[in-house]
């Protein structure tokens, strides 16, 4: 009950600040600064309409205003980057769209509040979390904290579960001791038949968590659709459906973490293809593509590589990794997805489609990495292939 009240206060403060800036913009008044918003919040606690804001800790309320400022900052940075991109002939990738801040609703399935060190929250010897003006909260710890946290964010998700997310300072030397430096490098070809095929021949099967739970999800969804809108039973069925989807997402995230950690642990350099998941999801394979979760997996590889001192790079999405022979480099042309093995017409090598793509990815990634570091990338001399097109002898 106390956390629900705090979530409501945080939401109201965010909406009041957003409404004040929108009204000032419409009226042509100057921009309301962060300090002015904070002063208005302090004055609002003395009014009868907002007196209940004083019953909760002031730190999460100030953090809500900080979130509003960050939302505006990201929006203004996007507008600036967009104007720069248009002024320079639209060169490079289009900036990712960021919209202006939106009002928060009490019907939002995700609620959150943040306590910083100024709030003086405590982790008690028994393992409970003591929050100001809330009291002791029982916590089921997933792992011990390596250092004292600087802030904690309490989150309530759509399934009605509560999480405490701590911000701590990691020890880089401890990370280096955890994962010794290897001398291997690997390329990863992501797919649907196999989730990932590594250039060393390892194949990781696709678990297809959503496909496995599809029958159960369909049954719960049908039951939910029959409930009367606004009834208590519909609210219960909605929570049951959210828990079922959260279970699928948790299983997928656990699988991604285990695979990405193993790859980063065993390899010094990891290369993957820069896939455009949004475009691939417009096809008939959309459900399977979202079920695989390629984007989340590559993000894990990126931040774990940075944490443990590894190299992670992506190759261009337009590189013909499935068309080029990894043995001789001949381009054999595009092939339909049904073709899983093919024979090179030049050198006669028999290739597994995914394994050949992974070998090409690691070669391209190695070339781009060496080029960025100033190394030599020009291939060595090789004999011309018989029948290769060239200039005739004696031609002008």
Protein backbone atom coordinates (compact mmCIF):
# COMPACT_ATOMS: atom_id res chain seq x y z
CA UNK A 1 0.00 0.00 0.00
CA UNK A 2 2.82 2.41 0.88
CA UNK A 3 4.65 1.65 -2.39
CA UNK A 4 1.43 2.17 -4.39
CA UNK A 5 1.00 5.56 -2.72
CA UNK A 6 4.60 6.47 -3.54
CA UNK A 7 4.15 5.40 -7.18
CA UNK A 8 1.10 7.68 -7.41
CA UNK A 9 2.96 10.66 -5.93
CA UNK A 10 5.89 10.18 -8.31
CA UNK A 11 3.49 10.02 -11.24
CA UNK A 12 1.62 13.19 -10.18
CA UNK A 13 4.83 15.19 -9.75
CA UNK A 14 6.01 14.13 -13.21
CA UNK A 15 2.69 15.09 -14.80
CA UNK A 16 2.53 18.44 -12.96
CA UNK A 17 6.00 19.37 -14.21
CA UNK A 18 5.19 18.33 -17.75
CA UNK A 19 1.89 20.23 -17.73
CA UNK A 20 3.55 23.39 -16.40
CA UNK A 21 6.14 23.40 -19.20
CA UNK A 22 3.55 22.69 -21.87
CA UNK A 23 1.32 25.53 -20.66
CA UNK A 24 4.29 27.90 -20.55
CA UNK A 25 5.19 27.00 -24.13
CA UNK A 26 1.61 27.57 -25.34
CA UNK A 27 1.42 30.92 -23.55
CA UNK A 28 4.76 32.04 -24.99
CA UNK A 29 6.38 32.28 -21.57
CA UNK A 30 10.06 31.55 -20.87
CA UNK A 31 11.26 28.02 -20.28
CA UNK A 32 10.64 26.78 -16.74
CA UNK A 33 14.00 25.77 -15.33
CA UNK A 34 14.74 22.74 -13.19
CA UNK A 35 15.13 24.89 -10.09
CA UNK A 36 11.76 26.54 -10.68
CA UNK A 37 10.07 23.17 -11.00
CA UNK A 38 11.67 22.05 -7.74
CA UNK A 39 10.49 25.24 -6.01
CA UNK A 40 6.97 24.69 -7.32
CA UNK A 41 7.00 21.16 -5.91
CA UNK A 42 8.02 22.46 -2.49
CA UNK A 43 5.28 25.10 -2.59
CA UNK A 44 2.67 22.57 -3.73
CA UNK A 45 3.16 20.53 -0.55
CA UNK A 46 1.80 23.48 1.46
CA UNK A 47 -1.45 23.62 -0.53
CA UNK A 48 -4.54 21.55 0.39
CA UNK A 49 -4.65 19.98 -3.10
CA UNK A 50 -1.14 18.53 -2.86
CA UNK A 51 -0.61 18.25 0.88
CA UNK A 52 -0.45 14.45 0.62
CA UNK A 53 2.87 14.76 -1.24
CA UNK A 54 4.53 15.51 2.11
CA UNK A 55 3.62 12.04 3.41
CA UNK A 56 6.21 10.34 1.19
CA UNK A 57 9.95 10.76 0.88
CA UNK A 58 11.00 13.89 -1.01
CA UNK A 59 13.89 12.18 -2.82
CA UNK A 60 11.78 10.04 -5.24
CA UNK A 61 9.74 13.15 -6.08
CA UNK A 62 12.88 15.09 -6.99
CA UNK A 63 14.10 12.10 -8.99
CA UNK A 64 10.82 12.16 -10.92
CA UNK A 65 11.56 15.75 -11.95
CA UNK A 66 15.07 14.62 -12.93
CA UNK A 67 13.51 11.95 -15.16
CA UNK A 68 11.36 14.63 -16.78
CA UNK A 69 14.46 16.74 -17.46
CA UNK A 70 16.28 13.76 -18.96
CA UNK A 71 13.30 13.02 -21.21
CA UNK A 72 13.34 16.60 -22.51
CA UNK A 73 17.12 16.47 -22.95
CA UNK A 74 16.92 13.31 -25.05
CA UNK A 75 14.16 14.86 -27.16
CA UNK A 76 16.13 18.07 -27.77
CA UNK A 77 19.27 16.10 -28.60
CA UNK A 78 17.30 14.09 -31.15
CA UNK A 79 15.97 17.27 -32.79
CA UNK A 80 19.49 18.70 -32.94
CA UNK A 81 20.94 15.48 -34.37
CA UNK A 82 18.11 15.27 -36.90
CA UNK A 83 18.74 18.82 -38.17
CA UNK A 84 22.46 18.06 -38.47
CA UNK A 85 21.69 14.83 -40.36
CA UNK A 86 19.39 16.65 -42.80
CA UNK A 87 21.82 19.54 -43.30
CA UNK A 88 24.61 17.14 -44.33
CA UNK A 89 22.69 15.41 -47.08
CA UNK A 90 21.23 12.61 -44.92
CA UNK A 91 24.57 10.83 -44.74
CA UNK A 92 24.89 7.92 -42.37
CA UNK A 93 22.11 6.09 -40.54
CA UNK A 94 18.98 7.99 -39.68
CA UNK A 95 18.90 9.03 -35.99
CA UNK A 96 16.60 6.94 -33.88
CA UNK A 97 13.37 8.82 -33.27
CA UNK A 98 12.76 10.16 -29.77
CA UNK A 99 9.43 11.81 -29.04
CA UNK A 100 8.61 14.48 -26.43
CA UNK A 101 7.72 13.41 -22.86
CA UNK A 102 4.22 12.00 -22.41
CA UNK A 103 1.90 12.06 -19.41
CA UNK A 104 2.00 9.02 -17.14
CA UNK A 105 -1.22 7.18 -16.36
CA UNK A 106 -2.25 5.36 -13.21
CA UNK A 107 -3.26 2.52 -15.56
CA UNK A 108 0.32 2.06 -16.74
CA UNK A 109 1.34 -1.51 -16.03
CA UNK A 110 4.88 -0.50 -15.05
CA UNK A 111 5.48 1.81 -12.10
CA UNK A 112 8.85 2.83 -10.66
CA UNK A 113 10.45 5.13 -8.10
CA UNK A 114 14.11 5.80 -7.31
CA UNK A 115 15.89 6.45 -4.01
CA UNK A 116 19.38 7.94 -4.06
CA UNK A 117 21.93 7.93 -1.24
CA UNK A 118 20.44 11.20 0.06
CA UNK A 119 17.32 9.28 1.04
CA UNK A 120 19.42 7.18 3.44
CA UNK A 121 17.92 3.84 2.54
CA UNK A 122 19.52 0.91 4.33
CA UNK A 123 20.18 -2.78 3.79
CA UNK A 124 19.57 -4.36 7.17
CA UNK A 125 21.71 -7.22 8.52
CA UNK A 126 18.81 -9.64 8.08
CA UNK A 127 18.62 -8.87 4.35
CA UNK A 128 15.60 -6.58 4.38
CA UNK A 129 15.58 -3.23 2.60
CA UNK A 130 14.62 -0.23 4.72
CA UNK A 131 13.08 2.60 2.68
CA UNK A 132 12.32 6.04 4.18
CA UNK A 133 8.66 6.59 5.16
CA UNK A 134 7.86 3.07 3.94
CA UNK A 135 9.64 0.78 6.35
CA UNK A 136 11.27 -2.61 6.01
CA UNK A 137 10.70 -4.46 2.74
CA UNK A 138 11.49 -8.15 2.52
CA UNK A 139 13.89 -8.89 -0.35
CA UNK A 140 14.72 -12.16 -2.04
CA UNK A 141 18.29 -11.54 -3.17
CA UNK A 142 19.47 -12.93 -6.50
CA UNK A 143 23.13 -12.29 -5.62
CA UNK A 144 25.13 -10.45 -2.94
CA UNK A 145 26.09 -6.85 -3.64
CA UNK A 146 29.85 -6.44 -4.25
CA UNK A 147 29.83 -2.86 -2.91
CA UNK A 148 27.57 -0.30 -1.28
CA UNK A 149 24.81 0.88 -3.65
CA UNK A 150 24.48 4.53 -4.60
CA UNK A 151 20.78 4.27 -5.49
CA UNK A 152 17.94 1.79 -5.63
CA UNK A 153 14.98 1.75 -8.01
CA UNK A 154 11.82 -0.07 -6.94
CA UNK A 155 9.87 -1.36 -9.95
CA UNK A 156 6.44 -2.93 -10.24
CA UNK A 157 5.89 -4.74 -13.55
CA UNK A 158 2.72 -5.74 -15.39
CA UNK A 159 2.64 -9.12 -13.66
CA UNK A 160 2.43 -7.47 -10.22
CA UNK A 161 5.99 -8.38 -9.27
CA UNK A 162 8.26 -5.97 -7.41
CA UNK A 163 11.97 -5.60 -8.15
CA UNK A 164 14.76 -3.63 -6.48
CA UNK A 165 17.48 -2.53 -8.89
CA UNK A 166 20.69 -1.26 -7.27
CA UNK A 167 23.39 0.93 -8.82
CA UNK A 168 26.83 -0.09 -7.63
CA UNK A 169 30.43 0.53 -8.66
CA UNK A 170 31.98 -2.54 -10.26
CA UNK A 171 35.59 -3.56 -9.73
CA UNK A 172 37.35 -3.92 -13.08
CA UNK A 173 40.19 -5.96 -11.57
CA UNK A 174 37.73 -8.49 -10.18
CA UNK A 175 36.13 -8.81 -13.61
CA UNK A 176 39.54 -9.42 -15.18
CA UNK A 177 40.28 -12.19 -12.67
CA UNK A 178 36.91 -13.77 -13.29
CA UNK A 179 37.49 -14.14 -17.04
CA UNK A 180 41.16 -14.68 -18.00
CA UNK A 181 42.19 -13.37 -21.41
CA UNK A 182 41.84 -16.05 -24.13
CA UNK A 183 43.43 -15.98 -27.57
CA UNK A 184 40.44 -17.13 -29.65
CA UNK A 185 38.05 -15.12 -31.80
CA UNK A 186 34.70 -16.14 -33.20
CA UNK A 187 32.06 -15.03 -35.67
CA UNK A 188 28.36 -15.53 -34.97
CA UNK A 189 25.64 -16.14 -37.54
CA UNK A 190 22.21 -15.67 -35.96
CA UNK A 191 19.29 -17.58 -37.41
CA UNK A 192 15.99 -19.30 -36.78
CA UNK A 193 16.77 -22.95 -37.54
CA UNK A 194 19.70 -22.67 -35.12
CA UNK A 195 19.76 -19.68 -32.80
CA UNK A 196 23.50 -19.13 -33.35
CA UNK A 197 26.19 -20.86 -35.39
CA UNK A 198 29.77 -20.05 -34.41
CA UNK A 199 32.68 -20.01 -36.81
CA UNK A 200 34.36 -22.82 -34.84
CA UNK A 201 31.50 -25.15 -35.78
CA UNK A 202 29.43 -24.86 -32.59
CA UNK A 203 25.68 -24.80 -33.17
CA UNK A 204 23.31 -23.48 -30.49
CA UNK A 205 19.77 -24.67 -30.97
CA UNK A 206 16.85 -22.25 -30.87
CA UNK A 207 14.73 -22.84 -27.75
CA UNK A 208 11.62 -21.08 -29.17
CA UNK A 209 10.17 -20.23 -25.80
CA UNK A 210 7.17 -18.38 -27.23
CA UNK A 211 6.30 -21.25 -29.55
CA UNK A 212 6.46 -23.71 -26.66
CA UNK A 213 4.13 -21.60 -24.49
CA UNK A 214 1.82 -20.58 -27.33
CA UNK A 215 -0.93 -23.07 -26.54
CA UNK A 216 -1.06 -22.04 -22.88
CA UNK A 217 -0.98 -18.34 -23.77
CA UNK A 218 -3.79 -18.82 -26.27
CA UNK A 219 -5.96 -20.51 -23.64
CA UNK A 220 -5.34 -17.76 -21.06
CA UNK A 221 -5.97 -15.05 -23.65
CA UNK A 222 -9.33 -16.57 -24.61
CA UNK A 223 -10.34 -16.81 -20.96
CA UNK A 224 -9.32 -13.18 -20.43
CA UNK A 225 -11.33 -11.99 -23.42
CA UNK A 226 -14.54 -13.49 -21.96
CA UNK A 227 -14.31 -11.51 -18.71
CA UNK A 228 -16.50 -8.46 -18.29
CA UNK A 229 -14.64 -5.21 -18.80
CA UNK A 230 -13.85 -3.46 -15.53
CA UNK A 231 -14.67 -6.47 -13.36
CA UNK A 232 -12.45 -7.94 -10.68
CA UNK A 233 -12.25 -11.23 -12.57
CA UNK A 234 -10.93 -9.45 -15.64
CA UNK A 235 -8.27 -7.81 -13.51
CA UNK A 236 -7.25 -11.21 -12.14
CA UNK A 237 -7.13 -12.77 -15.60
CA UNK A 238 -5.06 -9.86 -16.91
CA UNK A 239 -2.53 -10.43 -14.14
CA UNK A 240 -2.46 -14.15 -14.94
CA UNK A 241 -1.84 -13.41 -18.63
CA UNK A 242 0.93 -10.93 -17.74
CA UNK A 243 2.61 -13.50 -15.51
CA UNK A 244 2.55 -16.06 -18.32
CA UNK A 245 4.19 -13.63 -20.75
CA UNK A 246 6.71 -12.57 -18.08
CA UNK A 247 7.67 -16.22 -17.59
CA UNK A 248 8.43 -16.55 -21.31
CA UNK A 249 10.46 -13.36 -21.32
CA UNK A 250 12.41 -14.45 -18.24
CA UNK A 251 13.28 -17.82 -19.78
CA UNK A 252 14.47 -16.10 -22.96
CA UNK A 253 16.58 -13.58 -21.04
CA UNK A 254 18.13 -16.37 -18.96
CA UNK A 255 19.05 -18.24 -22.14
CA UNK A 256 20.57 -15.10 -23.68
CA UNK A 257 22.64 -14.39 -20.57
CA UNK A 258 24.05 -17.90 -20.37
CA UNK A 259 24.98 -18.08 -24.05
CA UNK A 260 26.44 -14.56 -24.24
CA UNK A 261 28.48 -15.06 -21.08
CA UNK A 262 29.93 -18.33 -22.41
CA UNK A 263 30.88 -16.72 -25.73
CA UNK A 264 32.50 -13.68 -24.10
CA UNK A 265 34.35 -15.89 -21.60
CA UNK A 266 35.91 -18.16 -24.24
CA UNK A 267 36.83 -15.57 -26.91
CA UNK A 268 38.87 -12.39 -26.97
CA UNK A 269 37.12 -11.02 -30.09
CA UNK A 270 33.48 -11.60 -31.05
CA UNK A 271 31.95 -10.53 -34.36
CA UNK A 272 28.27 -10.56 -35.34
CA UNK A 273 26.16 -9.34 -38.22
CA UNK A 274 24.36 -6.00 -37.92
CA UNK A 275 20.81 -7.23 -38.52
CA UNK A 276 17.87 -4.89 -39.13
CA UNK A 277 15.34 -6.71 -36.98
CA UNK A 278 12.60 -4.13 -37.58
CA UNK A 279 12.70 -4.79 -41.33
CA UNK A 280 12.95 -8.57 -40.96
CA UNK A 281 9.94 -8.51 -38.63
CA UNK A 282 7.73 -7.21 -41.44
CA UNK A 283 7.84 -10.63 -43.06
CA UNK A 284 5.84 -13.78 -42.35
CA UNK A 285 8.61 -14.84 -39.96
CA UNK A 286 7.90 -11.95 -37.58
CA UNK A 287 6.79 -14.09 -34.61
CA UNK A 288 9.81 -16.38 -34.87
CA UNK A 289 12.18 -13.41 -35.22
CA UNK A 290 10.83 -11.68 -32.13
CA UNK A 291 10.86 -14.99 -30.29
CA UNK A 292 14.60 -15.35 -30.99
CA UNK A 293 15.41 -11.92 -29.50
CA UNK A 294 18.48 -11.15 -31.62
CA UNK A 295 18.69 -7.48 -30.62
CA UNK A 296 18.70 -8.22 -26.88
CA UNK A 297 21.34 -10.90 -27.39
CA UNK A 298 23.71 -8.63 -29.32
CA UNK A 299 23.26 -5.87 -26.73
CA UNK A 300 24.33 -8.35 -24.05
CA UNK A 301 27.39 -9.27 -26.08
CA UNK A 302 28.29 -5.59 -26.47
CA UNK A 303 28.12 -4.58 -22.82
CA UNK A 304 29.70 -7.80 -21.54
CA UNK A 305 32.58 -7.37 -23.98
CA UNK A 306 33.14 -3.83 -22.70
CA UNK A 307 32.98 -5.05 -19.09
CA UNK A 308 35.46 -7.89 -19.45
CA UNK A 309 37.90 -6.24 -21.87
CA UNK A 310 36.85 -8.11 -24.99
CA UNK A 311 36.42 -6.85 -28.55
CA UNK A 312 32.92 -6.86 -30.01
CA UNK A 313 32.21 -5.58 -33.52
CA UNK A 314 29.49 -5.93 -36.12
CA UNK A 315 29.82 -6.31 -39.88
CA UNK A 316 27.59 -4.56 -42.38
CA UNK A 317 24.12 -5.92 -42.89
CA UNK A 318 24.55 -5.78 -46.67
CA UNK A 319 27.62 -8.00 -46.74
CA UNK A 320 26.86 -11.20 -48.76
CA UNK A 321 28.01 -13.54 -46.00
CA UNK A 322 25.75 -16.37 -47.20
CA UNK A 323 26.79 -16.02 -50.85
CA UNK A 324 30.58 -15.89 -50.62
CA UNK A 325 32.66 -19.03 -50.34
CA UNK A 326 34.72 -18.85 -47.16
CA UNK A 327 37.45 -21.01 -48.78
CA UNK A 328 38.20 -19.16 -52.03
CA UNK A 329 36.12 -15.96 -51.76
CA UNK A 330 34.00 -16.57 -54.87
CA UNK A 331 30.52 -15.08 -54.84
CA UNK A 332 28.07 -17.80 -55.86
CA UNK A 333 24.99 -15.54 -55.86
CA UNK A 334 21.92 -15.37 -53.64
CA UNK A 335 20.25 -18.55 -52.45
CA UNK A 336 16.77 -19.16 -51.03
CA UNK A 337 16.41 -19.97 -47.34
CA UNK A 338 15.50 -23.56 -48.17
CA UNK A 339 19.07 -24.17 -49.38
CA UNK A 340 21.01 -25.19 -46.26
CA UNK A 341 24.11 -26.65 -47.97
CA UNK A 342 25.73 -25.71 -51.25
CA UNK A 343 28.85 -26.48 -53.27
CA UNK A 344 31.15 -23.74 -54.51
CA UNK A 345 31.27 -23.75 -58.30
CA UNK A 346 34.89 -22.51 -58.32
CA UNK A 347 36.78 -24.54 -55.72
CA UNK A 348 34.25 -27.31 -55.13
CA UNK A 349 34.07 -26.84 -51.35
CA UNK A 350 30.86 -28.04 -49.73
CA UNK A 351 29.49 -25.49 -47.25
CA UNK A 352 26.90 -25.50 -44.54
CA UNK A 353 25.03 -22.24 -45.12
CA UNK A 354 25.18 -20.95 -41.54
CA UNK A 355 28.71 -22.13 -40.78
CA UNK A 356 30.01 -20.56 -44.00
CA UNK A 357 28.32 -17.27 -43.07
CA UNK A 358 29.90 -17.39 -39.59
CA UNK A 359 33.36 -17.90 -41.11
CA UNK A 360 32.82 -14.95 -43.45
CA UNK A 361 31.63 -12.81 -40.51
CA UNK A 362 34.77 -13.48 -38.47
CA UNK A 363 36.94 -12.71 -41.52
CA UNK A 364 35.11 -9.42 -42.17
CA UNK A 365 35.16 -8.51 -38.49
CA UNK A 366 38.88 -9.19 -38.25
CA UNK A 367 39.50 -7.07 -41.34
CA UNK A 368 37.48 -4.11 -40.05
CA UNK A 369 39.07 -4.31 -36.60
CA UNK A 370 42.58 -4.37 -37.99
CA UNK A 371 41.74 -1.53 -40.35
CA UNK A 372 40.48 0.58 -37.46
CA UNK A 373 43.73 -0.08 -35.60
CA UNK A 374 45.91 0.74 -38.59
CA UNK A 375 46.81 -2.83 -39.46
CA UNK A 376 47.16 -4.28 -42.90
CA UNK A 377 43.95 -5.50 -44.49
CA UNK A 378 45.03 -6.09 -48.07
CA UNK A 379 44.74 -9.81 -48.94
CA UNK A 380 47.85 -11.67 -49.98
CA UNK A 381 48.75 -12.57 -53.54
CA UNK A 382 46.96 -15.60 -54.98
CA UNK A 383 46.82 -17.37 -58.33
CA UNK A 384 43.97 -16.33 -60.60
CA UNK A 385 41.13 -18.79 -60.96
CA UNK A 386 40.98 -20.57 -64.32
CA UNK A 387 38.55 -18.84 -66.63
CA UNK A 388 38.61 -15.58 -64.67
CA UNK A 389 37.72 -12.55 -66.78
CA UNK A 390 40.69 -10.29 -67.47
CA UNK A 391 42.44 -8.16 -70.08
CA UNK A 392 43.44 -9.98 -73.23
CA UNK A 393 47.15 -10.10 -74.02
CA UNK A 394 48.10 -7.44 -76.51
CA UNK A 395 44.93 -5.41 -76.03
CA UNK A 396 45.36 -1.63 -76.04
